[in-house]
Amino acid sequence: MNIGTVEGSTTPNTVPAYTKTQIDCRFTSLEQSERLNQFISTLHDTVTEKGVKISVSDDITPLFWRHNETGLAFCHAVAQIKERLSIQATEWESTVGSSDSNFFAALSAIVIDGVKSNGGK
């Protein structure tokens, strides 16, 4: 979970009329995503004891590659092709990153993403 942006107020040392926070959440399982989404949904329209109202404007989309037999078989086939072409083999892993290909992966489509030069994780 990462607090991406926080905004509000118009001048320093002023109580803001509103604040807005954007939070980026990444998951390793659909269950984690659903549990947090349900919790966040319960916060919508909550009024605290200080008169602060919480509004939730977006839903959580579970975008991550889940290991499965078909996907791992595809990874193995790609590794064999790389070996025949003398391309250094790589490790296959789910990084819970977010990209457009994860929309397809969430639908059980097989995709290759993150094909890049060697670098940090």
PDB file of N, CA and C in Angstrom:
ATOM      1  N   MET A   1       0.860  -1.158   0.000  1.00  0.00           N
ATOM      2  CA  MET A   1       0.000   0.000   0.000  1.00  0.00           C
ATOM      3  C   MET A   1       0.908   1.222   0.000  1.00  0.00           C
ATOM      4  N   ASN A   2       0.548   2.201  -0.823  1.00  0.00           N
ATOM      5  CA  ASN A   2       1.342   3.407  -0.945  1.00  0.00           C
ATOM      6  C   ASN A   2       0.409   4.613  -1.012  1.00  0.00           C
ATOM      7  N   ILE A   3       0.661   5.604  -0.176  1.00  0.00           N
ATOM      8  CA  ILE A   3      -0.072   6.863  -0.275  1.00  0.00           C
ATOM      9  C   ILE A   3       0.552   7.601  -1.452  1.00  0.00           C
ATOM     10  N   GLY A   4      -0.187   7.686  -2.563  1.00  0.00           N
ATOM     11  CA  GLY A   4       0.357   8.279  -3.775  1.00  0.00           C
ATOM     12  C   GLY A   4       0.344   9.789  -3.759  1.00  0.00           C
ATOM     13  N   THR A   5      -0.793  10.385  -3.467  1.00  0.00           N
ATOM     14  CA  THR A   5      -0.894  11.846  -3.424  1.00  0.00           C
ATOM     15  C   THR A   5      -1.794  12.259  -2.273  1.00  0.00           C
ATOM     16  N   VAL A   6      -1.513  13.434  -1.743  1.00  0.00           N
ATOM     17  CA  VAL A   6      -2.363  14.062  -0.730  1.00  0.00           C
ATOM     18  C   VAL A   6      -2.488  15.517  -1.152  1.00  0.00           C
ATOM     19  N   GLU A   7      -3.712  16.010  -1.243  1.00  0.00           N
ATOM     20  CA  GLU A   7      -3.894  17.414  -1.629  1.00  0.00           C
ATOM     21  C   GLU A   7      -5.035  18.021  -0.841  1.00  0.00           C
ATOM     22  N   GLY A   8      -5.040  19.336  -0.746  1.00  0.00           N
ATOM     23  CA  GLY A   8      -6.098  20.051  -0.057  1.00  0.00           C
ATOM     24  C   GLY A   8      -5.610  21.406   0.401  1.00  0.00           C
ATOM     25  N   SER A   9      -6.502  22.203   0.901  1.00  0.00           N
ATOM     26  CA  SER A   9      -6.232  23.541   1.393  1.00  0.00           C
ATOM     27  C   SER A   9      -5.823  24.482   0.265  1.00  0.00           C
ATOM     28  N   THR A  10      -5.715  25.732   0.589  1.00  0.00           N
ATOM     29  CA  THR A  10      -5.347  26.734  -0.408  1.00  0.00           C
ATOM     30  C   THR A  10      -4.180  27.595   0.045  1.00  0.00           C
ATOM     31  N   THR A  11      -3.965  27.679   1.353  1.00  0.00           N
ATOM     32  CA  THR A  11      -2.843  28.455   1.876  1.00  0.00           C
ATOM     33  C   THR A  11      -2.262  27.731   3.084  1.00  0.00           C
ATOM     34  N   PRO A  12      -1.008  28.031   3.419  1.00  0.00           N
ATOM     35  CA  PRO A  12      -0.430  27.421   4.625  1.00  0.00           C
ATOM     36  C   PRO A  12      -1.179  27.885   5.882  1.00  0.00           C
ATOM     37  N   ASN A  13      -1.161  27.048   6.882  1.00  0.00           N
ATOM     38  CA  ASN A  13      -1.741  27.372   8.182  1.00  0.00           C
ATOM     39  C   ASN A  13      -3.237  27.681   8.106  1.00  0.00           C
ATOM     40  N   THR A  14      -3.926  26.969   7.201  1.00  0.00           N
ATOM     41  CA  THR A  14      -5.370  27.122   7.051  1.00  0.00           C
ATOM     42  C   THR A  14      -6.016  25.746   7.149  1.00  0.00           C
ATOM     43  N   VAL A  15      -7.096  25.648   7.890  1.00  0.00           N
ATOM     44  CA  VAL A  15      -7.818  24.384   7.949  1.00  0.00           C
ATOM     45  C   VAL A  15      -8.500  24.187   6.599  1.00  0.00           C
ATOM     46  N   PRO A  16      -8.188  23.101   5.900  1.00  0.00           N
ATOM     47  CA  PRO A  16      -8.747  22.924   4.552  1.00  0.00           C
ATOM     48  C   PRO A  16     -10.231  22.552   4.593  1.00  0.00           C
ATOM     49  N   ALA A  17     -10.939  22.979   3.564  1.00  0.00           N
ATOM     50  CA  ALA A  17     -12.345  22.602   3.421  1.00  0.00           C
ATOM     51  C   ALA A  17     -12.451  21.140   3.003  1.00  0.00           C
ATOM     52  N   TYR A  18     -11.415  20.646   2.344  1.00  0.00           N
ATOM     53  CA  TYR A  18     -11.392  19.239   1.934  1.00  0.00           C
ATOM     54  C   TYR A  18      -9.937  18.787   1.811  1.00  0.00           C
ATOM     55  N   THR A  19      -9.744  17.500   1.845  1.00  0.00           N
ATOM     56  CA  THR A  19      -8.466  16.897   1.474  1.00  0.00           C
ATOM     57  C   THR A  19      -8.768  15.691   0.607  1.00  0.00           C
ATOM     58  N   LYS A  20      -7.838  15.364  -0.236  1.00  0.00           N
ATOM     59  CA  LYS A  20      -7.988  14.219  -1.134  1.00  0.00           C
ATOM     60  C   LYS A  20      -6.703  13.400  -1.057  1.00  0.00           C
ATOM     61  N   THR A  21      -6.871  12.110  -0.866  1.00  0.00           N
ATOM     62  CA  THR A  21      -5.732  11.202  -0.805  1.00  0.00           C
ATOM     63  C   THR A  21      -5.953  10.079  -1.800  1.00  0.00           C
ATOM     64  N   GLN A  22      -4.935   9.793  -2.592  1.00  0.00           N
ATOM     65  CA  GLN A  22      -4.985   8.663  -3.518  1.00  0.00           C
ATOM     66  C   GLN A  22      -4.046   7.590  -2.996  1.00  0.00           C
ATOM     67  N   ILE A  23      -4.574   6.378  -2.894  1.00  0.00           N
ATOM     68  CA  ILE A  23      -3.819   5.264  -2.336  1.00  0.00           C
ATOM     69  C   ILE A  23      -3.686   4.171  -3.394  1.00  0.00           C
ATOM     70  N   ASP A  24      -2.466   3.695  -3.592  1.00  0.00           N
ATOM     71  CA  ASP A  24      -2.198   2.608  -4.530  1.00  0.00           C
ATOM     72  C   ASP A  24      -2.003   1.329  -3.722  1.00  0.00           C
ATOM     73  N   CYS A  25      -2.829   0.326  -4.005  1.00  0.00           N
ATOM     74  CA  CYS A  25      -2.746  -0.950  -3.285  1.00  0.00           C
ATOM     75  C   CYS A  25      -2.402  -2.057  -4.274  1.00  0.00           C
ATOM     76  N   ARG A  26      -1.508  -2.942  -3.892  1.00  0.00           N
ATOM     77  CA  ARG A  26      -1.132  -4.090  -4.725  1.00  0.00           C
ATOM     78  C   ARG A  26      -1.399  -5.364  -3.920  1.00  0.00           C
ATOM     79  N   PHE A  27      -1.779  -6.425  -4.631  1.00  0.00           N
ATOM     80  CA  PHE A  27      -2.196  -7.645  -3.947  1.00  0.00           C
ATOM     81  C   PHE A  27      -1.519  -8.867  -4.544  1.00  0.00           C
ATOM     82  N   THR A  28      -1.422  -9.905  -3.738  1.00  0.00           N
ATOM     83  CA  THR A  28      -0.918 -11.187  -4.224  1.00  0.00           C
ATOM     84  C   THR A  28      -2.028 -12.220  -4.322  1.00  0.00           C
ATOM     85  N   SER A  29      -3.225 -11.858  -3.881  1.00  0.00           N
ATOM     86  CA  SER A  29      -4.350 -12.782  -4.016  1.00  0.00           C
ATOM     87  C   SER A  29      -5.642 -11.999  -4.187  1.00  0.00           C
ATOM     88  N   LEU A  30      -6.577 -12.608  -4.865  1.00  0.00           N
ATOM     89  CA  LEU A  30      -7.891 -11.999  -5.059  1.00  0.00           C
ATOM     90  C   LEU A  30      -8.595 -11.809  -3.724  1.00  0.00           C
ATOM     91  N   GLU A  31      -8.389 -12.718  -2.778  1.00  0.00           N
ATOM     92  CA  GLU A  31      -9.019 -12.625  -1.462  1.00  0.00           C
ATOM     93  C   GLU A  31      -8.563 -11.365  -0.730  1.00  0.00           C
ATOM     94  N   GLN A  32      -7.262 -11.040  -0.814  1.00  0.00           N
ATOM     95  CA  GLN A  32      -6.755  -9.819  -0.179  1.00  0.00           C
ATOM     96  C   GLN A  32      -7.441  -8.596  -0.779  1.00  0.00           C
ATOM     97  N   SER A  33      -7.532  -8.582  -2.087  1.00  0.00           N
ATOM     98  CA  SER A  33      -8.159  -7.467  -2.791  1.00  0.00           C
ATOM     99  C   SER A  33      -9.606  -7.297  -2.363  1.00  0.00           C
ATOM    100  N   GLU A  34     -10.348  -8.371  -2.335  1.00  0.00           N
ATOM    101  CA  GLU A  34     -11.766  -8.313  -1.968  1.00  0.00           C
ATOM    102  C   GLU A  34     -11.952  -7.868  -0.520  1.00  0.00           C
ATOM    103  N   ARG A  35     -11.099  -8.363   0.380  1.00  0.00           N
ATOM    104  CA  ARG A  35     -11.215  -8.002   1.793  1.00  0.00           C
ATOM    105  C   ARG A  35     -10.981  -6.499   1.991  1.00  0.00           C
ATOM    106  N   LEU A  36      -9.945  -5.950   1.362  1.00  0.00           N
ATOM    107  CA  LEU A  36      -9.680  -4.523   1.509  1.00  0.00           C
ATOM    108  C   LEU A  36     -10.763  -3.696   0.823  1.00  0.00           C
ATOM    109  N   ASN A  37     -11.225  -4.145  -0.328  1.00  0.00           N
ATOM    110  CA  ASN A  37     -12.281  -3.419  -1.040  1.00  0.00           C
ATOM    111  C   ASN A  37     -13.553  -3.345  -0.198  1.00  0.00           C
ATOM    112  N   GLN A  38     -13.903  -4.432   0.452  1.00  0.00           N
ATOM    113  CA  GLN A  38     -15.094  -4.433   1.312  1.00  0.00           C
ATOM    114  C   GLN A  38     -14.931  -3.459   2.478  1.00  0.00           C
ATOM    115  N   PHE A  39     -13.732  -3.468   3.070  1.00  0.00           N
ATOM    116  CA  PHE A  39     -13.478  -2.557   4.189  1.00  0.00           C
ATOM    117  C   PHE A  39     -13.562  -1.104   3.737  1.00  0.00           C
ATOM    118  N   ILE A  40     -12.918  -0.774   2.623  1.00  0.00           N
ATOM    119  CA  ILE A  40     -12.928   0.601   2.129  1.00  0.00           C
ATOM    120  C   ILE A  40     -14.350   1.038   1.791  1.00  0.00           C
ATOM    121  N   SER A  41     -15.137   0.139   1.227  1.00  0.00           N
ATOM    122  CA  SER A  41     -16.528   0.458   0.885  1.00  0.00           C
ATOM    123  C   SER A  41     -17.343   0.826   2.123  1.00  0.00           C
ATOM    124  N   THR A  42     -17.036   0.237   3.268  1.00  0.00           N
ATOM    125  CA  THR A  42     -17.776   0.561   4.502  1.00  0.00           C
ATOM    126  C   THR A  42     -17.468   1.970   4.990  1.00  0.00           C
ATOM    127  N   LEU A  43     -16.349   2.549   4.531  1.00  0.00           N
ATOM    128  CA  LEU A  43     -15.985   3.900   4.958  1.00  0.00           C
ATOM    129  C   LEU A  43     -16.750   4.992   4.216  1.00  0.00           C
ATOM    130  N   HIS A  44     -17.313   4.652   3.054  1.00  0.00           N
ATOM    131  CA  HIS A  44     -17.993   5.668   2.239  1.00  0.00           C
ATOM    132  C   HIS A  44     -19.150   6.300   3.007  1.00  0.00           C
ATOM    133  N   ASP A  45     -19.208   7.610   2.980  1.00  0.00           N
ATOM    134  CA  ASP A  45     -20.237   8.417   3.656  1.00  0.00           C
ATOM    135  C   ASP A  45     -20.194   8.318   5.175  1.00  0.00           C
ATOM    136  N   THR A  46     -19.079   7.874   5.723  1.00  0.00           N
ATOM    137  CA  THR A  46     -18.909   7.848   7.172  1.00  0.00           C
ATOM    138  C   THR A  46     -18.636   9.271   7.665  1.00  0.00           C
ATOM    139  N   VAL A  47     -19.262   9.650   8.754  1.00  0.00           N
ATOM    140  CA  VAL A  47     -18.991  10.943   9.370  1.00  0.00           C
ATOM    141  C   VAL A  47     -18.338  10.670  10.716  1.00  0.00           C
ATOM    142  N   THR A  48     -17.161  11.259  10.929  1.00  0.00           N
ATOM    143  CA  THR A  48     -16.445  11.041  12.187  1.00  0.00           C
ATOM    144  C   THR A  48     -17.006  11.944  13.273  1.00  0.00           C
ATOM    145  N   GLU A  49     -16.506  11.792  14.496  1.00  0.00           N
ATOM    146  CA  GLU A  49     -16.996  12.602  15.614  1.00  0.00           C
ATOM    147  C   GLU A  49     -16.643  14.081  15.468  1.00  0.00           C
ATOM    148  N   LYS A  50     -15.722  14.416  14.584  1.00  0.00           N
ATOM    149  CA  LYS A  50     -15.343  15.817  14.364  1.00  0.00           C
ATOM    150  C   LYS A  50     -16.067  16.413  13.161  1.00  0.00           C
ATOM    151  N   GLY A  51     -17.039  15.685  12.594  1.00  0.00           N
ATOM    152  CA  GLY A  51     -17.795  16.203  11.468  1.00  0.00           C
ATOM    153  C   GLY A  51     -17.097  16.036  10.130  1.00  0.00           C
ATOM    154  N   VAL A  52     -16.103  15.180  10.077  1.00  0.00           N
ATOM    155  CA  VAL A  52     -15.389  14.916   8.828  1.00  0.00           C
ATOM    156  C   VAL A  52     -16.104  13.787   8.099  1.00  0.00           C
ATOM    157  N   LYS A  53     -16.436  14.015   6.836  1.00  0.00           N
ATOM    158  CA  LYS A  53     -17.123  13.005   6.035  1.00  0.00           C
ATOM    159  C   LYS A  53     -16.111  12.329   5.110  1.00  0.00           C
ATOM    160  N   ILE A  54     -16.156  11.010   5.067  1.00  0.00           N
ATOM    161  CA  ILE A  54     -15.268  10.231   4.203  1.00  0.00           C
ATOM    162  C   ILE A  54     -16.053   9.815   2.968  1.00  0.00           C
ATOM    163  N   SER A  55     -15.495  10.079   1.793  1.00  0.00           N
ATOM    164  CA  SER A  55     -16.098   9.645   0.529  1.00  0.00           C
ATOM    165  C   SER A  55     -15.089   8.779  -0.215  1.00  0.00           C
ATOM    166  N   VAL A  56     -15.556   7.667  -0.729  1.00  0.00           N
ATOM    167  CA  VAL A  56     -14.724   6.770  -1.520  1.00  0.00           C
ATOM    168  C   VAL A  56     -15.202   6.862  -2.956  1.00  0.00           C
ATOM    169  N   SER A  57     -14.297   7.199  -3.879  1.00  0.00           N
ATOM    170  CA  SER A  57     -14.740   7.436  -5.247  1.00  0.00           C
ATOM    171  C   SER A  57     -14.336   6.358  -6.241  1.00  0.00           C
ATOM    172  N   ASP A  58     -13.426   5.495  -5.889  1.00  0.00           N
ATOM    173  CA  ASP A  58     -12.996   4.449  -6.816  1.00  0.00           C
ATOM    174  C   ASP A  58     -13.041   3.088  -6.160  1.00  0.00           C
ATOM    175  N   ASP A  59     -13.084   2.084  -7.004  1.00  0.00           N
ATOM    176  CA  ASP A  59     -13.085   0.704  -6.555  1.00  0.00           C
ATOM    177  C   ASP A  59     -11.688   0.134  -6.779  1.00  0.00           C
ATOM    178  N   ILE A  60     -11.403  -0.980  -6.173  1.00  0.00           N
ATOM    179  CA  ILE A  60     -10.115  -1.631  -6.336  1.00  0.00           C
ATOM    180  C   ILE A  60     -10.216  -2.666  -7.446  1.00  0.00           C
ATOM    181  N   THR A  61      -9.280  -2.623  -8.362  1.00  0.00           N
ATOM    182  CA  THR A  61      -9.223  -3.606  -9.437  1.00  0.00           C
ATOM    183  C   THR A  61      -8.069  -4.553  -9.145  1.00  0.00           C
ATOM    184  N   PRO A  62      -8.335  -5.844  -8.985  1.00  0.00           N
ATOM    185  CA  PRO A  62      -7.248  -6.776  -8.687  1.00  0.00           C
ATOM    186  C   PRO A  62      -6.435  -7.069  -9.958  1.00  0.00           C
ATOM    187  N   LEU A  63      -5.290  -6.429 -10.072  1.00  0.00           N
ATOM    188  CA  LEU A  63      -4.445  -6.625 -11.249  1.00  0.00           C
ATOM    189  C   LEU A  63      -3.126  -7.266 -10.829  1.00  0.00           C
ATOM    190  N   PHE A  64      -3.047  -8.541 -10.979  1.00  0.00           N
ATOM    191  CA  PHE A  64      -1.803  -9.229 -10.678  1.00  0.00           C
ATOM    192  C   PHE A  64      -1.801 -10.564 -11.393  1.00  0.00           C
ATOM    193  N   TRP A  65      -0.624 -11.067 -11.657  1.00  0.00           N
ATOM    194  CA  TRP A  65      -0.484 -12.354 -12.325  1.00  0.00           C
ATOM    195  C   TRP A  65      -0.517 -13.456 -11.275  1.00  0.00           C
ATOM    196  N   ARG A  66      -1.447 -14.364 -11.421  1.00  0.00           N
ATOM    197  CA  ARG A  66      -1.548 -15.489 -10.497  1.00  0.00           C
ATOM    198  C   ARG A  66      -0.902 -16.702 -11.141  1.00  0.00           C
ATOM    199  N   HIS A  67       0.012 -17.320 -10.413  1.00  0.00           N
ATOM    200  CA  HIS A  67       0.642 -18.535 -10.920  1.00  0.00           C
ATOM    201  C   HIS A  67      -0.423 -19.609 -11.152  1.00  0.00           C
ATOM    202  N   ASN A  68      -0.366 -20.238 -12.308  1.00  0.00           N
ATOM    203  CA  ASN A  68      -1.223 -21.385 -12.568  1.00  0.00           C
ATOM    204  C   ASN A  68      -0.501 -22.302 -13.546  1.00  0.00           C
ATOM    205  N   GLU A  69      -0.996 -23.492 -13.716  1.00  0.00           N
ATOM    206  CA  GLU A  69      -0.337 -24.503 -14.561  1.00  0.00           C
ATOM    207  C   GLU A  69      -0.129 -24.010 -15.995  1.00  0.00           C
ATOM    208  N   THR A  70      -1.149 -23.438 -16.586  1.00  0.00           N
ATOM    209  CA  THR A  70      -1.066 -22.996 -17.974  1.00  0.00           C
ATOM    210  C   THR A  70      -0.039 -21.875 -18.130  1.00  0.00           C
ATOM    211  N   GLY A  71      -0.090 -20.908 -17.243  1.00  0.00           N
ATOM    212  CA  GLY A  71       0.852 -19.791 -17.310  1.00  0.00           C
ATOM    213  C   GLY A  71       2.286 -20.242 -17.118  1.00  0.00           C
ATOM    214  N   LEU A  72       2.507 -21.145 -16.156  1.00  0.00           N
ATOM    215  CA  LEU A  72       3.863 -21.631 -15.914  1.00  0.00           C
ATOM    216  C   LEU A  72       4.362 -22.488 -17.074  1.00  0.00           C
ATOM    217  N   ALA A  73       3.473 -23.242 -17.724  1.00  0.00           N
ATOM    218  CA  ALA A  73       3.868 -24.017 -18.911  1.00  0.00           C
ATOM    219  C   ALA A  73       4.292 -23.071 -20.029  1.00  0.00           C
ATOM    220  N   PHE A  74       3.571 -21.958 -20.178  1.00  0.00           N
ATOM    221  CA  PHE A  74       3.930 -20.956 -21.175  1.00  0.00           C
ATOM    222  C   PHE A  74       5.297 -20.350 -20.851  1.00  0.00           C
ATOM    223  N   CYS A  75       5.534 -20.037 -19.587  1.00  0.00           N
ATOM    224  CA  CYS A  75       6.833 -19.492 -19.170  1.00  0.00           C
ATOM    225  C   CYS A  75       7.947 -20.475 -19.508  1.00  0.00           C
ATOM    226  N   HIS A  76       7.713 -21.757 -19.279  1.00  0.00           N
ATOM    227  CA  HIS A  76       8.707 -22.789 -19.587  1.00  0.00           C
ATOM    228  C   HIS A  76       8.990 -22.822 -21.090  1.00  0.00           C
ATOM    229  N   ALA A  77       7.947 -22.721 -21.919  1.00  0.00           N
ATOM    230  CA  ALA A  77       8.130 -22.719 -23.377  1.00  0.00           C
ATOM    231  C   ALA A  77       8.945 -21.504 -23.816  1.00  0.00           C
ATOM    232  N   VAL A  78       8.676 -20.336 -23.228  1.00  0.00           N
ATOM    233  CA  VAL A  78       9.441 -19.137 -23.558  1.00  0.00           C
ATOM    234  C   VAL A  78      10.904 -19.323 -23.145  1.00  0.00           C
ATOM    235  N   ALA A  79      11.149 -19.924 -21.995  1.00  0.00           N
ATOM    236  CA  ALA A  79      12.520 -20.168 -21.536  1.00  0.00           C
ATOM    237  C   ALA A  79      13.265 -21.086 -22.500  1.00  0.00           C
ATOM    238  N   GLN A  80      12.587 -22.083 -23.038  1.00  0.00           N
ATOM    239  CA  GLN A  80      13.230 -22.981 -24.009  1.00  0.00           C
ATOM    240  C   GLN A  80      13.597 -22.236 -25.290  1.00  0.00           C
ATOM    241  N   ILE A  81      12.717 -21.371 -25.748  1.00  0.00           N
ATOM    242  CA  ILE A  81      13.012 -20.574 -26.944  1.00  0.00           C
ATOM    243  C   ILE A  81      14.205 -19.663 -26.679  1.00  0.00           C
ATOM    244  N   LYS A  82      14.229 -19.022 -25.530  1.00  0.00           N
ATOM    245  CA  LYS A  82      15.346 -18.145 -25.176  1.00  0.00           C
ATOM    246  C   LYS A  82      16.657 -18.930 -25.144  1.00  0.00           C
ATOM    247  N   GLU A  83      16.605 -20.138 -24.609  1.00  0.00           N
ATOM    248  CA  GLU A  83      17.806 -20.973 -24.540  1.00  0.00           C
ATOM    249  C   GLU A  83      18.323 -21.285 -25.940  1.00  0.00           C
ATOM    250  N   ARG A  84      17.413 -21.658 -26.855  1.00  0.00           N
ATOM    251  CA  ARG A  84      17.811 -21.954 -28.237  1.00  0.00           C
ATOM    252  C   ARG A  84      18.402 -20.736 -28.931  1.00  0.00           C
ATOM    253  N   LEU A  85      17.965 -19.552 -28.545  1.00  0.00           N
ATOM    254  CA  LEU A  85      18.468 -18.317 -29.146  1.00  0.00           C
ATOM    255  C   LEU A  85      19.656 -17.729 -28.379  1.00  0.00           C
ATOM    256  N   SER A  86      20.142 -18.483 -27.387  1.00  0.00           N
ATOM    257  CA  SER A  86      21.263 -18.049 -26.541  1.00  0.00           C
ATOM    258  C   SER A  86      20.965 -16.743 -25.806  1.00  0.00           C
ATOM    259  N   ILE A  87      19.731 -16.596 -25.390  1.00  0.00           N
ATOM    260  CA  ILE A  87      19.337 -15.443 -24.580  1.00  0.00           C
ATOM    261  C   ILE A  87      19.321 -15.895 -23.130  1.00  0.00           C
ATOM    262  N   GLN A  88      19.917 -15.096 -22.280  1.00  0.00           N
ATOM    263  CA  GLN A  88      20.012 -15.461 -20.869  1.00  0.00           C
ATOM    264  C   GLN A  88      18.625 -15.709 -20.279  1.00  0.00           C
ATOM    265  N   ALA A  89      18.482 -16.819 -19.577  1.00  0.00           N
ATOM    266  CA  ALA A  89      17.205 -17.174 -18.953  1.00  0.00           C
ATOM    267  C   ALA A  89      16.901 -16.215 -17.808  1.00  0.00           C
ATOM    268  N   THR A  90      15.644 -16.038 -17.533  1.00  0.00           N
ATOM    269  CA  THR A  90      15.204 -15.181 -16.436  1.00  0.00           C
ATOM    270  C   THR A  90      14.311 -15.976 -15.500  1.00  0.00           C
ATOM    271  N   GLU A  91      14.143 -15.442 -14.331  1.00  0.00           N
ATOM    272  CA  GLU A  91      13.220 -16.039 -13.372  1.00  0.00           C
ATOM    273  C   GLU A  91      11.824 -15.483 -13.641  1.00  0.00           C
ATOM    274  N   TRP A  92      10.819 -16.320 -13.482  1.00  0.00           N
ATOM    275  CA  TRP A  92       9.434 -15.878 -13.644  1.00  0.00           C
ATOM    276  C   TRP A  92       8.864 -15.653 -12.260  1.00  0.00           C
ATOM    277  N   GLU A  93       8.255 -14.508 -12.079  1.00  0.00           N
ATOM    278  CA  GLU A  93       7.676 -14.213 -10.778  1.00  0.00           C
ATOM    279  C   GLU A  93       6.506 -13.247 -10.922  1.00  0.00           C
ATOM    280  N   SER A  94       5.665 -13.274  -9.929  1.00  0.00           N
ATOM    281  CA  SER A  94       4.579 -12.318  -9.855  1.00  0.00           C
ATOM    282  C   SER A  94       5.052 -11.195  -8.958  1.00  0.00           C
ATOM    283  N   THR A  95       5.071  -9.979  -9.485  1.00  0.00           N
ATOM    284  CA  THR A  95       5.589  -8.850  -8.717  1.00  0.00           C
ATOM    285  C   THR A  95       4.491  -7.950  -8.171  1.00  0.00           C
ATOM    286  N   VAL A  96       3.256  -8.289  -8.389  1.00  0.00           N
ATOM    287  CA  VAL A  96       2.085  -7.502  -8.014  1.00  0.00           C
ATOM    288  C   VAL A  96       2.149  -6.079  -8.546  1.00  0.00           C
ATOM    289  N   GLY A  97       2.901  -5.911  -9.610  1.00  0.00           N
ATOM    290  CA  GLY A  97       2.936  -4.619 -10.285  1.00  0.00           C
ATOM    291  C   GLY A  97       1.656  -4.433 -11.077  1.00  0.00           C
ATOM    292  N   SER A  98       1.497  -3.279 -11.634  1.00  0.00           N
ATOM    293  CA  SER A  98       0.287  -2.994 -12.379  1.00  0.00           C
ATOM    294  C   SER A  98       0.642  -2.536 -13.785  1.00  0.00           C
ATOM    295  N   SER A  99       0.046  -3.176 -14.762  1.00  0.00           N
ATOM    296  CA  SER A  99       0.226  -2.776 -16.154  1.00  0.00           C
ATOM    297  C   SER A  99      -1.032  -3.158 -16.921  1.00  0.00           C
ATOM    298  N   ASP A 100      -1.138  -2.682 -18.151  1.00  0.00           N
ATOM    299  CA  ASP A 100      -2.318  -2.997 -18.951  1.00  0.00           C
ATOM    300  C   ASP A 100      -2.461  -4.494 -19.195  1.00  0.00           C
ATOM    301  N   SER A 101      -1.344  -5.205 -19.291  1.00  0.00           N
ATOM    302  CA  SER A 101      -1.430  -6.646 -19.545  1.00  0.00           C
ATOM    303  C   SER A 101      -2.109  -7.378 -18.391  1.00  0.00           C
ATOM    304  N   ASN A 102      -2.074  -6.809 -17.203  1.00  0.00           N
ATOM    305  CA  ASN A 102      -2.703  -7.467 -16.061  1.00  0.00           C
ATOM    306  C   ASN A 102      -4.223  -7.508 -16.172  1.00  0.00           C
ATOM    307  N   PHE A 103      -4.820  -6.593 -16.966  1.00  0.00           N
ATOM    308  CA  PHE A 103      -6.259  -6.690 -17.211  1.00  0.00           C
ATOM    309  C   PHE A 103      -6.563  -8.020 -17.905  1.00  0.00           C
ATOM    310  N   PHE A 104      -5.693  -8.394 -18.856  1.00  0.00           N
ATOM    311  CA  PHE A 104      -5.881  -9.653 -19.573  1.00  0.00           C
ATOM    312  C   PHE A 104      -5.518 -10.846 -18.688  1.00  0.00           C
ATOM    313  N   ALA A 105      -4.454 -10.717 -17.905  1.00  0.00           N
ATOM    314  CA  ALA A 105      -4.048 -11.796 -17.009  1.00  0.00           C
ATOM    315  C   ALA A 105      -5.149 -12.098 -15.992  1.00  0.00           C
ATOM    316  N   ALA A 106      -5.847 -11.059 -15.530  1.00  0.00           N
ATOM    317  CA  ALA A 106      -6.941 -11.263 -14.575  1.00  0.00           C
ATOM    318  C   ALA A 106      -8.092 -12.058 -15.195  1.00  0.00           C
ATOM    319  N   LEU A 107      -8.139 -12.088 -16.542  1.00  0.00           N
ATOM    320  CA  LEU A 107      -9.153 -12.869 -17.259  1.00  0.00           C
ATOM    321  C   LEU A 107      -8.611 -14.237 -17.662  1.00  0.00           C
ATOM    322  N   SER A 108      -7.466 -14.619 -17.094  1.00  0.00           N
ATOM    323  CA  SER A 108      -6.792 -15.898 -17.335  1.00  0.00           C
ATOM    324  C   SER A 108      -6.125 -15.985 -18.702  1.00  0.00           C
ATOM    325  N   ALA A 109      -5.931 -14.852 -19.378  1.00  0.00           N
ATOM    326  CA  ALA A 109      -5.166 -14.861 -20.626  1.00  0.00           C
ATOM    327  C   ALA A 109      -3.679 -14.965 -20.278  1.00  0.00           C
ATOM    328  N   ILE A 110      -2.923 -15.589 -21.161  1.00  0.00           N
ATOM    329  CA  ILE A 110      -1.490 -15.724 -20.933  1.00  0.00           C
ATOM    330  C   ILE A 110      -0.795 -14.548 -21.602  1.00  0.00           C
ATOM    331  N   VAL A 111      -0.007 -13.812 -20.832  1.00  0.00           N
ATOM    332  CA  VAL A 111       0.700 -12.646 -21.347  1.00  0.00           C
ATOM    333  C   VAL A 111       2.143 -12.654 -20.862  1.00  0.00           C
ATOM    334  N   ILE A 112       3.009 -12.006 -21.630  1.00  0.00           N
ATOM    335  CA  ILE A 112       4.374 -11.748 -21.174  1.00  0.00           C
ATOM    336  C   ILE A 112       4.450 -10.257 -20.945  1.00  0.00           C
ATOM    337  N   ASP A 113       4.896  -9.865 -19.779  1.00  0.00           N
ATOM    338  CA  ASP A 113       5.014  -8.454 -19.462  1.00  0.00           C
ATOM    339  C   ASP A 113       6.327  -8.245 -18.728  1.00  0.00           C
ATOM    340  N   GLY A 114       6.842  -7.062 -18.811  1.00  0.00           N
ATOM    341  CA  GLY A 114       8.074  -6.758 -18.084  1.00  0.00           C
ATOM    342  C   GLY A 114       9.303  -7.292 -18.779  1.00  0.00           C
ATOM    343  N   VAL A 115       9.203  -7.547 -20.067  1.00  0.00           N
ATOM    344  CA  VAL A 115      10.380  -7.996 -20.808  1.00  0.00           C
ATOM    345  C   VAL A 115      11.274  -6.776 -20.953  1.00  0.00           C
ATOM    346  N   LYS A 116      12.426  -6.810 -20.299  1.00  0.00           N
ATOM    347  CA  LYS A 116      13.303  -5.649 -20.270  1.00  0.00           C
ATOM    348  C   LYS A 116      14.744  -6.096 -20.075  1.00  0.00           C
ATOM    349  N   SER A 117      15.632  -5.158 -20.129  1.00  0.00           N
ATOM    350  CA  SER A 117      17.025  -5.471 -19.852  1.00  0.00           C
ATOM    351  C   SER A 117      17.172  -5.780 -18.373  1.00  0.00           C
ATOM    352  N   ASN A 118      18.257  -6.399 -18.013  1.00  0.00           N
ATOM    353  CA  ASN A 118      18.487  -6.720 -16.590  1.00  0.00           C
ATOM    354  C   ASN A 118      18.523  -5.438 -15.792  1.00  0.00           C
ATOM    355  N   GLY A 119      17.895  -5.466 -14.665  1.00  0.00           N
ATOM    356  CA  GLY A 119      17.850  -4.287 -13.810  1.00  0.00           C
ATOM    357  C   GLY A 119      17.335  -4.658 -12.446  1.00  0.00           C
ATOM    358  N   GLY A 120      17.115  -3.653 -11.638  1.00  0.00           N
ATOM    359  CA  GLY A 120      16.632  -3.889 -10.284  1.00  0.00           C
ATOM    360  C   GLY A 120      15.175  -4.260 -10.289  1.00  0.00           C
ATOM    361  N   LYS A 121      14.738  -4.838  -9.175  1.00  0.00           N
ATOM    362  CA  LYS A 121      13.340  -5.246  -9.043  1.00  0.00           C
ATOM    363  C   LYS A 121      12.527  -4.134  -8.458  1.00  0.00           C
TER     364      LYS A 121
END
